[in-house]
Amino acid sequence: MYERISIDPKVCHGQACIKGTRIPVHQIVRMLANGDTIEELLEDYPSLEREDIIACLDYAAALAEEQVMPIEVLASVA
């Protein structure tokens, strides 16, 4: 399903990474969330392709979709 994402216990402690790299998915998503553009990431990481970054976003979206909990419930738990 995610041919550009790999999870290997021997690489980055089993964190989801872009296949063939040691770049964790969360790092790419966080950089985008902090204002970096896809173009900037491609310049900073020349081994990456645009499709790798899109795969990171798709993977993160799928994870967020799995656990649905209203924010009000989270606030009352904290």
C-alpha atoms as a PDB file:
ATOM      1  CA  MET A   1       0.000   0.000   0.000  1.00  0.00           C
ATOM      2  CA  TYR A   2       2.790   2.417   0.859  1.00  0.00           C
ATOM      3  CA  GLU A   3       5.560   1.422  -1.510  1.00  0.00           C
ATOM      4  CA  ARG A   4       7.583   4.550  -0.667  1.00  0.00           C
ATOM      5  CA  ILE A   5       7.374   4.090   3.125  1.00  0.00           C
ATOM      6  CA  SER A   6       9.209   1.393   5.067  1.00  0.00           C
ATOM      7  CA  ILE A   7       9.159   0.251   8.663  1.00  0.00           C
ATOM      8  CA  ASP A   8      12.183  -1.785   9.699  1.00  0.00           C
ATOM      9  CA  PRO A   9      13.124  -2.411  13.330  1.00  0.00           C
ATOM     10  CA  LYS A  10      16.794  -2.103  12.293  1.00  0.00           C
ATOM     11  CA  VAL A  11      16.348   1.376  10.794  1.00  0.00           C
ATOM     12  CA  CYS A  12      15.545   4.429  12.957  1.00  0.00           C
ATOM     13  CA  HIS A  13      14.238   2.227  15.776  1.00  0.00           C
ATOM     14  CA  GLY A  14      11.380   0.973  13.615  1.00  0.00           C
ATOM     15  CA  GLN A  15       9.968   4.405  12.830  1.00  0.00           C
ATOM     16  CA  ALA A  16       8.258   4.815   9.470  1.00  0.00           C
ATOM     17  CA  CYS A  17      10.851   6.174   7.025  1.00  0.00           C
ATOM     18  CA  ILE A  18      11.026   7.016   3.375  1.00  0.00           C
ATOM     19  CA  LYS A  19      12.104   3.749   1.767  1.00  0.00           C
ATOM     20  CA  GLY A  20      15.830   3.525   1.117  1.00  0.00           C
ATOM     21  CA  THR A  21      16.614   6.399   3.488  1.00  0.00           C
ATOM     22  CA  ARG A  22      16.880   7.070   7.183  1.00  0.00           C
ATOM     23  CA  ILE A  23      14.502  10.035   6.899  1.00  0.00           C
ATOM     24  CA  PRO A  24      11.512   9.505   9.205  1.00  0.00           C
ATOM     25  CA  VAL A  25       8.036  10.306   7.924  1.00  0.00           C
ATOM     26  CA  HIS A  26       7.359  12.424  11.021  1.00  0.00           C
ATOM     27  CA  GLN A  27      10.346  14.643  10.211  1.00  0.00           C
ATOM     28  CA  ILE A  28       9.027  15.470   6.748  1.00  0.00           C
ATOM     29  CA  VAL A  29       5.486  16.076   8.012  1.00  0.00           C
ATOM     30  CA  ARG A  30       6.738  18.288  10.848  1.00  0.00           C
ATOM     31  CA  MET A  31       8.905  20.341   8.486  1.00  0.00           C
ATOM     32  CA  LEU A  32       5.915  20.914   6.222  1.00  0.00           C
ATOM     33  CA  ALA A  33       3.791  21.856   9.244  1.00  0.00           C
ATOM     34  CA  ASN A  34       6.437  24.393  10.259  1.00  0.00           C
ATOM     35  CA  GLY A  35       6.275  26.156   6.914  1.00  0.00           C
ATOM     36  CA  ASP A  36       8.822  24.405   4.709  1.00  0.00           C
ATOM     37  CA  THR A  37       7.638  23.855   1.159  1.00  0.00           C
ATOM     38  CA  ILE A  38       7.925  20.696  -0.881  1.00  0.00           C
ATOM     39  CA  GLU A  39      10.388  22.513  -3.125  1.00  0.00           C
ATOM     40  CA  GLU A  40      12.579  23.418  -0.127  1.00  0.00           C
ATOM     41  CA  LEU A  41      12.553  19.835   1.095  1.00  0.00           C
ATOM     42  CA  LEU A  42      13.539  18.583  -2.341  1.00  0.00           C
ATOM     43  CA  GLU A  43      16.463  21.024  -2.321  1.00  0.00           C
ATOM     44  CA  ASP A  44      17.496  20.037   1.218  1.00  0.00           C
ATOM     45  CA  TYR A  45      17.155  16.296   0.505  1.00  0.00           C
ATOM     46  CA  PRO A  46      18.238  15.725  -3.108  1.00  0.00           C
ATOM     47  CA  SER A  47      17.691  11.971  -2.830  1.00  0.00           C
ATOM     48  CA  LEU A  48      13.949  12.526  -2.329  1.00  0.00           C
ATOM     49  CA  GLU A  49      11.305  12.794  -5.005  1.00  0.00           C
ATOM     50  CA  ARG A  50       8.058  14.736  -4.791  1.00  0.00           C
ATOM     51  CA  GLU A  51       6.185  11.420  -4.581  1.00  0.00           C
ATOM     52  CA  ASP A  52       8.131  10.528  -1.409  1.00  0.00           C
ATOM     53  CA  ILE A  53       6.879  13.663   0.328  1.00  0.00           C
ATOM     54  CA  ILE A  54       3.310  13.072  -0.859  1.00  0.00           C
ATOM     55  CA  ALA A  55       3.581   9.495   0.453  1.00  0.00           C
ATOM     56  CA  CYS A  56       4.599  10.879   3.877  1.00  0.00           C
ATOM     57  CA  LEU A  57       1.510  13.071   3.968  1.00  0.00           C
ATOM     58  CA  ASP A  58      -0.716  10.210   2.837  1.00  0.00           C
ATOM     59  CA  TYR A  59       0.755   7.899   5.484  1.00  0.00           C
ATOM     60  CA  ALA A  60       0.272  10.512   8.223  1.00  0.00           C
ATOM     61  CA  ALA A  61      -3.314  11.131   7.088  1.00  0.00           C
ATOM     62  CA  ALA A  62      -4.061   7.406   7.237  1.00  0.00           C
ATOM     63  CA  LEU A  63      -2.726   7.232  10.801  1.00  0.00           C
ATOM     64  CA  ALA A  64      -4.818  10.214  11.872  1.00  0.00           C
ATOM     65  CA  GLU A  65      -7.881   8.636  10.313  1.00  0.00           C
ATOM     66  CA  GLU A  66      -7.538   5.410  12.311  1.00  0.00           C
ATOM     67  CA  GLN A  67      -8.178   6.916  15.738  1.00  0.00           C
ATOM     68  CA  VAL A  68     -11.106   9.273  15.841  1.00  0.00           C
ATOM     69  CA  MET A  69     -11.726  10.902  19.202  1.00  0.00           C
ATOM     70  CA  PRO A  70     -13.581  14.176  19.662  1.00  0.00           C
ATOM     71  CA  ILE A  71     -11.395  16.986  20.984  1.00  0.00           C
ATOM     72  CA  GLU A  72     -13.817  17.531  23.877  1.00  0.00           C
ATOM     73  CA  VAL A  73     -13.123  14.009  25.130  1.00  0.00           C
ATOM     74  CA  LEU A  74      -9.366  14.567  24.928  1.00  0.00           C
ATOM     75  CA  ALA A  75      -9.648  17.814  26.893  1.00  0.00           C
ATOM     76  CA  SER A  76     -11.600  16.149  29.699  1.00  0.00           C
ATOM     77  CA  VAL A  77      -9.028  13.345  29.966  1.00  0.00           C
ATOM     78  CA  ALA A  78      -6.071  15.710  30.329  1.00  0.00           C
END
